[in-house]
Amino acid sequence: MLQIPSLAPFKDAKALYQAVLEEVKSLKLNPKDEIDVNLFKDLFCVGLSSKKIEAALWPCIERTTYDGHRITEETFEPEKAREDYVAVCMEVGKANIAPFAKNLMQQYSHILPMLHKDLA
């Protein structure tokens, strides 16, 4: 079982954050469109198929334990452990990216109404 992910060193967490941003910026989002299952599917597919994100995620994953042992690529060789691979990626990613995004909405909240007005 996955233990609470350890926060990776700043440089590793920042590399992950930047890789995710680089990949997600290619998604074409229209603010007039309803948020639906397709948005989540696209985010999920981009995140799990990107070699850049995977390369940046591994240094963060390796700081985490699974069943009481540090995670390595061998950790997910057993079929039962593979069931948890995506959950591990999501939890480690969330733990390491969230601190960078925490104040973004707060800092830029005054800009959002202007953007919505221009798009209307």
N, C-alpha and C. Protein backbone atom coordinates (compact mmCIF):
# COMPACT_ATOMS: atom_id res chain seq x y z
N MET A 1 0.84 -1.18 0.00
CA MET A 1 0.00 0.00 0.00
C MET A 1 0.88 1.24 0.00
N LEU A 2 0.44 2.26 -0.71
CA LEU A 2 1.18 3.52 -0.81
C LEU A 2 1.09 4.29 0.49
N GLN A 3 2.24 4.74 0.97
CA GLN A 3 2.26 5.63 2.10
C GLN A 3 2.15 7.06 1.56
N ILE A 4 1.87 8.00 2.43
CA ILE A 4 1.76 9.39 1.99
C ILE A 4 3.07 9.78 1.30
N PRO A 5 2.97 10.29 0.07
CA PRO A 5 4.20 10.63 -0.67
C PRO A 5 5.03 11.68 0.05
N SER A 6 6.34 11.48 -0.01
CA SER A 6 7.27 12.48 0.52
C SER A 6 7.40 13.58 -0.51
N LEU A 7 7.55 14.79 -0.04
CA LEU A 7 7.78 15.90 -0.95
C LEU A 7 9.19 15.76 -1.52
N ALA A 8 9.29 15.83 -2.83
CA ALA A 8 10.59 15.71 -3.50
C ALA A 8 11.36 17.02 -3.31
N PRO A 9 12.67 16.98 -3.51
CA PRO A 9 13.45 18.22 -3.48
C PRO A 9 12.87 19.22 -4.49
N PHE A 10 13.06 20.50 -4.21
CA PHE A 10 12.50 21.57 -5.04
C PHE A 10 12.78 21.36 -6.52
N LYS A 11 14.03 21.05 -6.87
CA LYS A 11 14.37 20.94 -8.30
C LYS A 11 13.61 19.80 -8.98
N ASP A 12 13.39 18.70 -8.29
CA ASP A 12 12.65 17.58 -8.87
C ASP A 12 11.16 17.89 -8.98
N ALA A 13 10.60 18.48 -7.93
CA ALA A 13 9.18 18.84 -7.96
C ALA A 13 8.92 19.91 -9.02
N LYS A 14 9.83 20.86 -9.14
CA LYS A 14 9.68 21.91 -10.14
C LYS A 14 9.78 21.33 -11.55
N ALA A 15 10.67 20.39 -11.77
CA ALA A 15 10.79 19.75 -13.08
C ALA A 15 9.49 19.02 -13.44
N LEU A 16 8.88 18.38 -12.46
CA LEU A 16 7.60 17.70 -12.69
C LEU A 16 6.53 18.73 -13.03
N TYR A 17 6.44 19.78 -12.26
CA TYR A 17 5.45 20.85 -12.49
C TYR A 17 5.61 21.42 -13.89
N GLN A 18 6.83 21.69 -14.30
CA GLN A 18 7.08 22.26 -15.62
C GLN A 18 6.74 21.27 -16.73
N ALA A 19 7.04 19.99 -16.53
CA ALA A 19 6.70 18.98 -17.54
C ALA A 19 5.20 18.87 -17.71
N VAL A 20 4.47 18.89 -16.61
CA VAL A 20 3.01 18.82 -16.69
C VAL A 20 2.46 20.04 -17.42
N LEU A 21 2.94 21.22 -17.07
CA LEU A 21 2.47 22.44 -17.74
C LEU A 21 2.77 22.40 -19.23
N GLU A 22 3.96 21.95 -19.57
CA GLU A 22 4.34 21.89 -20.99
C GLU A 22 3.42 20.96 -21.77
N GLU A 23 3.06 19.84 -21.19
CA GLU A 23 2.19 18.88 -21.88
C GLU A 23 0.74 19.35 -21.90
N VAL A 24 0.27 19.92 -20.81
CA VAL A 24 -1.14 20.31 -20.71
C VAL A 24 -1.45 21.54 -21.56
N LYS A 25 -0.46 22.37 -21.81
CA LYS A 25 -0.73 23.58 -22.59
C LYS A 25 -1.16 23.25 -24.02
N SER A 26 -0.89 22.05 -24.48
CA SER A 26 -1.30 21.65 -25.83
C SER A 26 -2.80 21.34 -25.92
N LEU A 27 -3.43 21.15 -24.78
CA LEU A 27 -4.88 20.91 -24.78
C LEU A 27 -5.60 22.20 -25.16
N LYS A 28 -6.52 22.09 -26.08
CA LYS A 28 -7.29 23.25 -26.50
C LYS A 28 -8.57 23.30 -25.68
N LEU A 29 -8.62 24.25 -24.76
CA LEU A 29 -9.77 24.40 -23.89
C LEU A 29 -10.52 25.67 -24.25
N ASN A 30 -11.82 25.53 -24.40
CA ASN A 30 -12.67 26.67 -24.68
C ASN A 30 -13.47 26.97 -23.42
N PRO A 31 -13.33 28.16 -22.85
CA PRO A 31 -14.04 28.47 -21.61
C PRO A 31 -15.56 28.45 -21.76
N LYS A 32 -16.04 28.50 -22.99
CA LYS A 32 -17.48 28.44 -23.22
C LYS A 32 -18.00 27.00 -23.21
N ASP A 33 -17.08 26.04 -23.35
CA ASP A 33 -17.48 24.63 -23.34
C ASP A 33 -17.75 24.17 -21.93
N GLU A 34 -18.68 23.26 -21.82
CA GLU A 34 -19.00 22.67 -20.53
C GLU A 34 -17.88 21.70 -20.13
N ILE A 35 -17.52 21.72 -18.86
CA ILE A 35 -16.53 20.76 -18.37
C ILE A 35 -17.23 19.41 -18.30
N ASP A 36 -16.70 18.46 -19.02
CA ASP A 36 -17.33 17.14 -19.05
C ASP A 36 -16.28 16.05 -18.98
N VAL A 37 -16.73 14.85 -19.20
CA VAL A 37 -15.84 13.68 -19.09
C VAL A 37 -14.70 13.74 -20.10
N ASN A 38 -14.90 14.40 -21.23
CA ASN A 38 -13.85 14.47 -22.25
C ASN A 38 -12.64 15.28 -21.76
N LEU A 39 -12.89 16.32 -21.00
CA LEU A 39 -11.78 17.09 -20.43
C LEU A 39 -10.95 16.22 -19.50
N PHE A 40 -11.61 15.50 -18.64
CA PHE A 40 -10.90 14.63 -17.70
C PHE A 40 -10.18 13.50 -18.43
N LYS A 41 -10.80 12.97 -19.47
CA LYS A 41 -10.15 11.92 -20.28
C LYS A 41 -8.88 12.48 -20.91
N ASP A 42 -8.98 13.68 -21.50
CA ASP A 42 -7.82 14.28 -22.15
C ASP A 42 -6.69 14.55 -21.15
N LEU A 43 -7.03 15.09 -19.99
CA LEU A 43 -6.01 15.34 -18.96
C LEU A 43 -5.36 14.04 -18.52
N PHE A 44 -6.18 13.02 -18.30
CA PHE A 44 -5.70 11.71 -17.87
C PHE A 44 -4.76 11.11 -18.92
N CYS A 45 -5.19 11.16 -20.18
CA CYS A 45 -4.37 10.57 -21.26
C CYS A 45 -3.06 11.33 -21.46
N VAL A 46 -3.11 12.64 -21.42
CA VAL A 46 -1.88 13.43 -21.57
C VAL A 46 -0.92 13.10 -20.43
N GLY A 47 -1.44 13.09 -19.22
CA GLY A 47 -0.59 12.84 -18.06
C GLY A 47 0.05 11.48 -18.06
N LEU A 48 -0.70 10.46 -18.45
CA LEU A 48 -0.16 9.10 -18.38
C LEU A 48 0.59 8.65 -19.62
N SER A 49 0.44 9.38 -20.72
CA SER A 49 1.14 8.97 -21.94
C SER A 49 2.42 9.76 -22.20
N SER A 50 2.62 10.83 -21.46
CA SER A 50 3.76 11.70 -21.70
C SER A 50 5.06 11.12 -21.14
N LYS A 51 6.03 10.95 -22.01
CA LYS A 51 7.36 10.50 -21.57
C LYS A 51 8.05 11.58 -20.74
N LYS A 52 7.77 12.86 -21.06
CA LYS A 52 8.38 13.97 -20.30
C LYS A 52 7.88 13.96 -18.86
N ILE A 53 6.56 13.78 -18.71
CA ILE A 53 6.01 13.75 -17.37
C ILE A 53 6.53 12.53 -16.62
N GLU A 54 6.57 11.39 -17.27
CA GLU A 54 7.06 10.18 -16.62
C GLU A 54 8.51 10.35 -16.16
N ALA A 55 9.34 10.93 -17.00
CA ALA A 55 10.75 11.13 -16.65
C ALA A 55 10.88 12.09 -15.46
N ALA A 56 10.03 13.09 -15.39
CA ALA A 56 10.09 14.04 -14.27
C ALA A 56 9.44 13.47 -13.01
N LEU A 57 8.50 12.56 -13.19
CA LEU A 57 7.78 11.99 -12.06
C LEU A 57 8.61 10.97 -11.29
N TRP A 58 9.47 10.21 -11.98
CA TRP A 58 10.21 9.12 -11.31
C TRP A 58 11.10 9.57 -10.15
N PRO A 59 11.83 10.67 -10.28
CA PRO A 59 12.61 11.09 -9.11
C PRO A 59 11.73 11.39 -7.89
N CYS A 60 10.50 11.82 -8.14
CA CYS A 60 9.57 12.08 -7.05
C CYS A 60 9.00 10.77 -6.50
N ILE A 61 8.68 9.84 -7.39
CA ILE A 61 8.14 8.54 -6.98
C ILE A 61 9.15 7.77 -6.14
N GLU A 62 10.40 7.83 -6.51
CA GLU A 62 11.43 7.05 -5.82
C GLU A 62 11.63 7.46 -4.37
N ARG A 63 11.06 8.58 -3.97
CA ARG A 63 11.16 9.03 -2.58
C ARG A 63 10.00 8.49 -1.75
N THR A 64 9.09 7.78 -2.39
CA THR A 64 7.87 7.29 -1.76
C THR A 64 8.00 5.81 -1.46
N THR A 65 7.26 5.35 -0.46
CA THR A 65 7.29 3.93 -0.13
C THR A 65 5.97 3.27 -0.51
N TYR A 66 6.07 2.00 -0.82
CA TYR A 66 4.93 1.17 -1.18
C TYR A 66 5.14 -0.16 -0.45
N ASP A 67 4.20 -0.54 0.35
CA ASP A 67 4.33 -1.74 1.19
C ASP A 67 5.59 -1.68 2.05
N GLY A 68 5.93 -0.47 2.51
CA GLY A 68 7.05 -0.30 3.41
C GLY A 68 8.42 -0.27 2.76
N HIS A 69 8.50 -0.30 1.43
CA HIS A 69 9.77 -0.29 0.70
C HIS A 69 9.81 0.89 -0.27
N ARG A 70 11.00 1.44 -0.44
CA ARG A 70 11.16 2.50 -1.44
C ARG A 70 10.74 1.97 -2.80
N ILE A 71 10.07 2.82 -3.58
CA ILE A 71 9.60 2.42 -4.90
C ILE A 71 10.75 2.44 -5.90
N THR A 72 10.82 1.38 -6.68
CA THR A 72 11.71 1.29 -7.84
C THR A 72 10.84 0.80 -9.00
N GLU A 73 11.38 0.72 -10.18
CA GLU A 73 10.60 0.20 -11.30
C GLU A 73 10.21 -1.26 -11.05
N GLU A 74 11.02 -1.99 -10.31
CA GLU A 74 10.71 -3.38 -10.01
C GLU A 74 9.49 -3.51 -9.10
N THR A 75 9.18 -2.45 -8.38
CA THR A 75 8.03 -2.47 -7.47
C THR A 75 6.76 -2.87 -8.21
N PHE A 76 6.62 -2.46 -9.45
CA PHE A 76 5.39 -2.68 -10.20
C PHE A 76 5.45 -3.89 -11.12
N GLU A 77 6.44 -4.75 -10.97
CA GLU A 77 6.50 -5.98 -11.76
C GLU A 77 5.36 -6.94 -11.41
N PRO A 78 5.05 -7.16 -10.13
CA PRO A 78 3.93 -8.06 -9.83
C PRO A 78 2.60 -7.47 -10.33
N GLU A 79 1.76 -8.32 -10.86
CA GLU A 79 0.48 -7.87 -11.40
C GLU A 79 -0.34 -7.10 -10.37
N LYS A 80 -0.37 -7.57 -9.14
CA LYS A 80 -1.15 -6.92 -8.09
C LYS A 80 -0.66 -5.48 -7.85
N ALA A 81 0.64 -5.27 -7.90
CA ALA A 81 1.19 -3.93 -7.69
C ALA A 81 0.87 -3.01 -8.86
N ARG A 82 0.77 -3.56 -10.07
CA ARG A 82 0.45 -2.75 -11.24
C ARG A 82 -0.92 -2.09 -11.11
N GLU A 83 -1.80 -2.72 -10.36
CA GLU A 83 -3.12 -2.13 -10.14
C GLU A 83 -3.01 -0.79 -9.44
N ASP A 84 -1.95 -0.58 -8.69
CA ASP A 84 -1.78 0.65 -7.93
C ASP A 84 -0.90 1.68 -8.62
N TYR A 85 -0.33 1.34 -9.76
CA TYR A 85 0.62 2.23 -10.43
C TYR A 85 0.02 3.61 -10.73
N VAL A 86 -1.16 3.65 -11.32
CA VAL A 86 -1.77 4.93 -11.67
C VAL A 86 -2.08 5.73 -10.41
N ALA A 87 -2.58 5.06 -9.38
CA ALA A 87 -2.87 5.76 -8.12
C ALA A 87 -1.60 6.34 -7.53
N VAL A 88 -0.50 5.61 -7.60
CA VAL A 88 0.78 6.11 -7.10
C VAL A 88 1.19 7.35 -7.88
N CYS A 89 1.10 7.28 -9.21
CA CYS A 89 1.46 8.43 -10.04
C CYS A 89 0.61 9.65 -9.69
N MET A 90 -0.68 9.44 -9.54
CA MET A 90 -1.59 10.55 -9.24
C MET A 90 -1.28 11.17 -7.87
N GLU A 91 -1.08 10.33 -6.87
CA GLU A 91 -0.82 10.84 -5.52
C GLU A 91 0.52 11.55 -5.42
N VAL A 92 1.53 10.98 -6.02
CA VAL A 92 2.86 11.60 -5.99
C VAL A 92 2.84 12.91 -6.78
N GLY A 93 2.19 12.88 -7.94
CA GLY A 93 2.08 14.09 -8.75
C GLY A 93 1.35 15.20 -8.01
N LYS A 94 0.22 14.84 -7.43
CA LYS A 94 -0.58 15.83 -6.69
C LYS A 94 0.22 16.42 -5.52
N ALA A 95 0.88 15.56 -4.77
CA ALA A 95 1.65 16.02 -3.60
C ALA A 95 2.77 16.98 -3.99
N ASN A 96 3.38 16.76 -5.15
CA ASN A 96 4.53 17.57 -5.54
C ASN A 96 4.17 18.79 -6.39
N ILE A 97 3.02 18.77 -7.04
CA ILE A 97 2.60 19.90 -7.87
C ILE A 97 1.76 20.90 -7.08
N ALA A 98 0.95 20.40 -6.18
CA ALA A 98 0.01 21.26 -5.44
C ALA A 98 0.67 22.48 -4.78
N PRO A 99 1.85 22.35 -4.16
CA PRO A 99 2.43 23.54 -3.53
C PRO A 99 2.72 24.68 -4.52
N PHE A 100 3.01 24.35 -5.78
CA PHE A 100 3.29 25.38 -6.77
C PHE A 100 2.01 26.11 -7.19
N ALA A 101 0.89 25.41 -7.18
CA ALA A 101 -0.36 25.98 -7.67
C ALA A 101 -1.22 26.57 -6.55
N LYS A 102 -0.84 26.36 -5.33
CA LYS A 102 -1.66 26.73 -4.19
C LYS A 102 -2.16 28.18 -4.24
N ASN A 103 -1.29 29.11 -4.52
CA ASN A 103 -1.67 30.52 -4.50
C ASN A 103 -1.97 31.11 -5.88
N LEU A 104 -1.91 30.29 -6.93
CA LEU A 104 -2.13 30.81 -8.27
C LEU A 104 -3.50 31.46 -8.43
N MET A 105 -4.54 30.75 -8.06
CA MET A 105 -5.89 31.27 -8.21
C MET A 105 -6.06 32.55 -7.39
N GLN A 106 -5.51 32.55 -6.22
CA GLN A 106 -5.63 33.72 -5.35
C GLN A 106 -4.92 34.93 -5.96
N GLN A 107 -3.74 34.72 -6.49
CA GLN A 107 -2.96 35.82 -7.04
C GLN A 107 -3.53 36.38 -8.34
N TYR A 108 -4.16 35.50 -9.12
CA TYR A 108 -4.64 35.92 -10.44
C TYR A 108 -6.15 35.97 -10.53
N SER A 109 -6.85 35.91 -9.42
CA SER A 109 -8.30 35.90 -9.43
C SER A 109 -8.88 37.19 -10.03
N HIS A 110 -8.17 38.30 -9.92
CA HIS A 110 -8.66 39.56 -10.47
C HIS A 110 -8.62 39.58 -12.00
N ILE A 111 -7.81 38.73 -12.61
CA ILE A 111 -7.69 38.67 -14.07
C ILE A 111 -8.80 37.83 -14.68
N LEU A 112 -9.26 36.80 -13.98
CA LEU A 112 -10.26 35.89 -14.53
C LEU A 112 -11.55 36.58 -15.00
N PRO A 113 -12.13 37.51 -14.22
CA PRO A 113 -13.34 38.17 -14.72
C PRO A 113 -13.10 38.93 -16.02
N MET A 114 -11.92 39.54 -16.18
CA MET A 114 -11.60 40.26 -17.42
C MET A 114 -11.53 39.29 -18.59
N LEU A 115 -10.93 38.13 -18.37
CA LEU A 115 -10.84 37.13 -19.45
C LEU A 115 -12.23 36.65 -19.86
N HIS A 116 -13.07 36.36 -18.88
CA HIS A 116 -14.42 35.89 -19.19
C HIS A 116 -15.22 36.96 -19.91
N LYS A 117 -15.02 38.22 -19.55
CA LYS A 117 -15.72 39.33 -20.20
C LYS A 117 -15.30 39.44 -21.67
N ASP A 118 -14.00 39.31 -21.94
CA ASP A 118 -13.48 39.39 -23.30
C ASP A 118 -13.97 38.23 -24.17
N LEU A 119 -14.21 37.09 -23.55
CA LEU A 119 -14.63 35.91 -24.31
C LEU A 119 -16.14 35.88 -24.55
N ALA A 120 -16.87 36.67 -23.83
CA ALA A 120 -18.34 36.65 -23.95
C ALA A 120 -18.80 37.31 -25.23
